[in-house]
Every structure is written in C-alpha cells, then in structure tokens.
Amino acid sequence: LPPLGVFLKYGLQSEFWICLVLT
C-alpha cells in the first residue's frame, strides 16, 4: 500500500474530478 499521504492526495483529487464531471 502507498503511504497514507499519497492515498489521501489522490483520493481527494479523484473526488474533485468526480464532482467536476457530475456538475
């Protein structure tokens, strides 16, 4: 598993892109 910081960074990025696509 990647470090927690990296996971959180990419998790927030994907959430941001999902919200962007859904709007």
PDB file of N, CA and C in Angstrom:
ATOM      1  N   LEU A   1       0.838  -1.203   0.000  1.00  0.00           N
ATOM      2  CA  LEU A   1       0.000   0.000   0.000  1.00  0.00           C
ATOM      3  C   LEU A   1       0.871   1.251   0.000  1.00  0.00           C
ATOM      4  N   PRO A   2       0.446   2.278  -0.703  1.00  0.00           N
ATOM      5  CA  PRO A   2       1.195   3.538  -0.724  1.00  0.00           C
ATOM      6  C   PRO A   2       1.036   4.255   0.609  1.00  0.00           C
ATOM      7  N   PRO A   3       1.909   5.212   0.900  1.00  0.00           N
ATOM      8  CA  PRO A   3       1.782   6.000   2.135  1.00  0.00           C
ATOM      9  C   PRO A   3       0.413   6.670   2.224  1.00  0.00           C
ATOM     10  N   LEU A   4      -0.039   6.888   3.441  1.00  0.00           N
ATOM     11  CA  LEU A   4      -1.373   7.456   3.648  1.00  0.00           C
ATOM     12  C   LEU A   4      -1.510   8.830   3.002  1.00  0.00           C
ATOM     13  N   GLY A   5      -0.443   9.633   3.065  1.00  0.00           N
ATOM     14  CA  GLY A   5      -0.490  10.970   2.464  1.00  0.00           C
ATOM     15  C   GLY A   5      -0.735  10.906   0.964  1.00  0.00           C
ATOM     16  N   VAL A   6      -0.049   9.961   0.296  1.00  0.00           N
ATOM     17  CA  VAL A   6      -0.225   9.813  -1.151  1.00  0.00           C
ATOM     18  C   VAL A   6      -1.646   9.351  -1.453  1.00  0.00           C
ATOM     19  N   PHE A   7      -2.144   8.397  -0.656  1.00  0.00           N
ATOM     20  CA  PHE A   7      -3.507   7.892  -0.855  1.00  0.00           C
ATOM     21  C   PHE A   7      -4.527   9.013  -0.701  1.00  0.00           C
ATOM     22  N   LEU A   8      -4.361   9.828   0.356  1.00  0.00           N
ATOM     23  CA  LEU A   8      -5.295  10.927   0.592  1.00  0.00           C
ATOM     24  C   LEU A   8      -5.226  11.953  -0.529  1.00  0.00           C
ATOM     25  N   LYS A   9      -4.002  12.215  -1.012  1.00  0.00           N
ATOM     26  CA  LYS A   9      -3.828  13.205  -2.073  1.00  0.00           C
ATOM     27  C   LYS A   9      -4.590  12.781  -3.326  1.00  0.00           C
ATOM     28  N   TYR A  10      -4.377  11.529  -3.756  1.00  0.00           N
ATOM     29  CA  TYR A  10      -5.044  11.067  -4.973  1.00  0.00           C
ATOM     30  C   TYR A  10      -6.527  10.822  -4.738  1.00  0.00           C
ATOM     31  N   GLY A  11      -6.906  10.464  -3.519  1.00  0.00           N
ATOM     32  CA  GLY A  11      -8.320  10.282  -3.195  1.00  0.00           C
ATOM     33  C   GLY A  11      -9.069  11.600  -3.321  1.00  0.00           C
ATOM     34  N   LEU A  12      -8.479  12.678  -2.788  1.00  0.00           N
ATOM     35  CA  LEU A  12      -9.109  13.988  -2.886  1.00  0.00           C
ATOM     36  C   LEU A  12      -9.148  14.458  -4.333  1.00  0.00           C
ATOM     37  N   GLN A  13      -8.078  14.159  -5.087  1.00  0.00           N
ATOM     38  CA  GLN A  13      -8.040  14.558  -6.494  1.00  0.00           C
ATOM     39  C   GLN A  13      -9.158  13.874  -7.274  1.00  0.00           C
ATOM     40  N   SER A  14      -9.347  12.572  -7.067  1.00  0.00           N
ATOM     41  CA  SER A  14     -10.389  11.855  -7.804  1.00  0.00           C
ATOM     42  C   SER A  14     -11.769  12.341  -7.376  1.00  0.00           C
ATOM     43  N   GLU A  15     -11.954  12.627  -6.092  1.00  0.00           N
ATOM     44  CA  GLU A  15     -13.240  13.159  -5.645  1.00  0.00           C
ATOM     45  C   GLU A  15     -13.523  14.492  -6.311  1.00  0.00           C
ATOM     46  N   PHE A  16     -12.484  15.336  -6.423  1.00  0.00           N
ATOM     47  CA  PHE A  16     -12.633  16.638  -7.071  1.00  0.00           C
ATOM     48  C   PHE A  16     -13.052  16.473  -8.524  1.00  0.00           C
ATOM     49  N   TRP A  17     -12.390  15.543  -9.242  1.00  0.00           N
ATOM     50  CA  TRP A  17     -12.715  15.336 -10.650  1.00  0.00           C
ATOM     51  C   TRP A  17     -14.106  14.749 -10.823  1.00  0.00           C
ATOM     52  N   ILE A  18     -14.514  13.844  -9.918  1.00  0.00           N
ATOM     53  CA  ILE A  18     -15.859  13.260  -9.993  1.00  0.00           C
ATOM     54  C   ILE A  18     -16.905  14.359  -9.815  1.00  0.00           C
ATOM     55  N   CYS A  19     -16.694  15.225  -8.824  1.00  0.00           N
ATOM     56  CA  CYS A  19     -17.634  16.333  -8.602  1.00  0.00           C
ATOM     57  C   CYS A  19     -17.670  17.248  -9.821  1.00  0.00           C
ATOM     58  N   LEU A  20     -16.497  17.477 -10.416  1.00  0.00           N
ATOM     59  CA  LEU A  20     -16.415  18.360 -11.575  1.00  0.00           C
ATOM     60  C   LEU A  20     -17.197  17.770 -12.747  1.00  0.00           C
ATOM     61  N   VAL A  21     -17.084  16.469 -12.949  1.00  0.00           N
ATOM     62  CA  VAL A  21     -17.775  15.814 -14.071  1.00  0.00           C
ATOM     63  C   VAL A  21     -19.281  15.763 -13.833  1.00  0.00           C
ATOM     64  N   LEU A  22     -19.698  15.582 -12.582  1.00  0.00           N
ATOM     65  CA  LEU A  22     -21.120  15.428 -12.274  1.00  0.00           C
ATOM     66  C   LEU A  22     -21.880  16.741 -12.358  1.00  0.00           C
ATOM     67  N   THR A  23     -21.190  17.875 -12.218  1.00  0.00           N
ATOM     68  CA  THR A  23     -21.903  19.152 -12.230  1.00  0.00           C
ATOM     69  C   THR A  23     -22.205  19.613 -13.642  1.00  0.00           C
TER      70      THR A  23
END
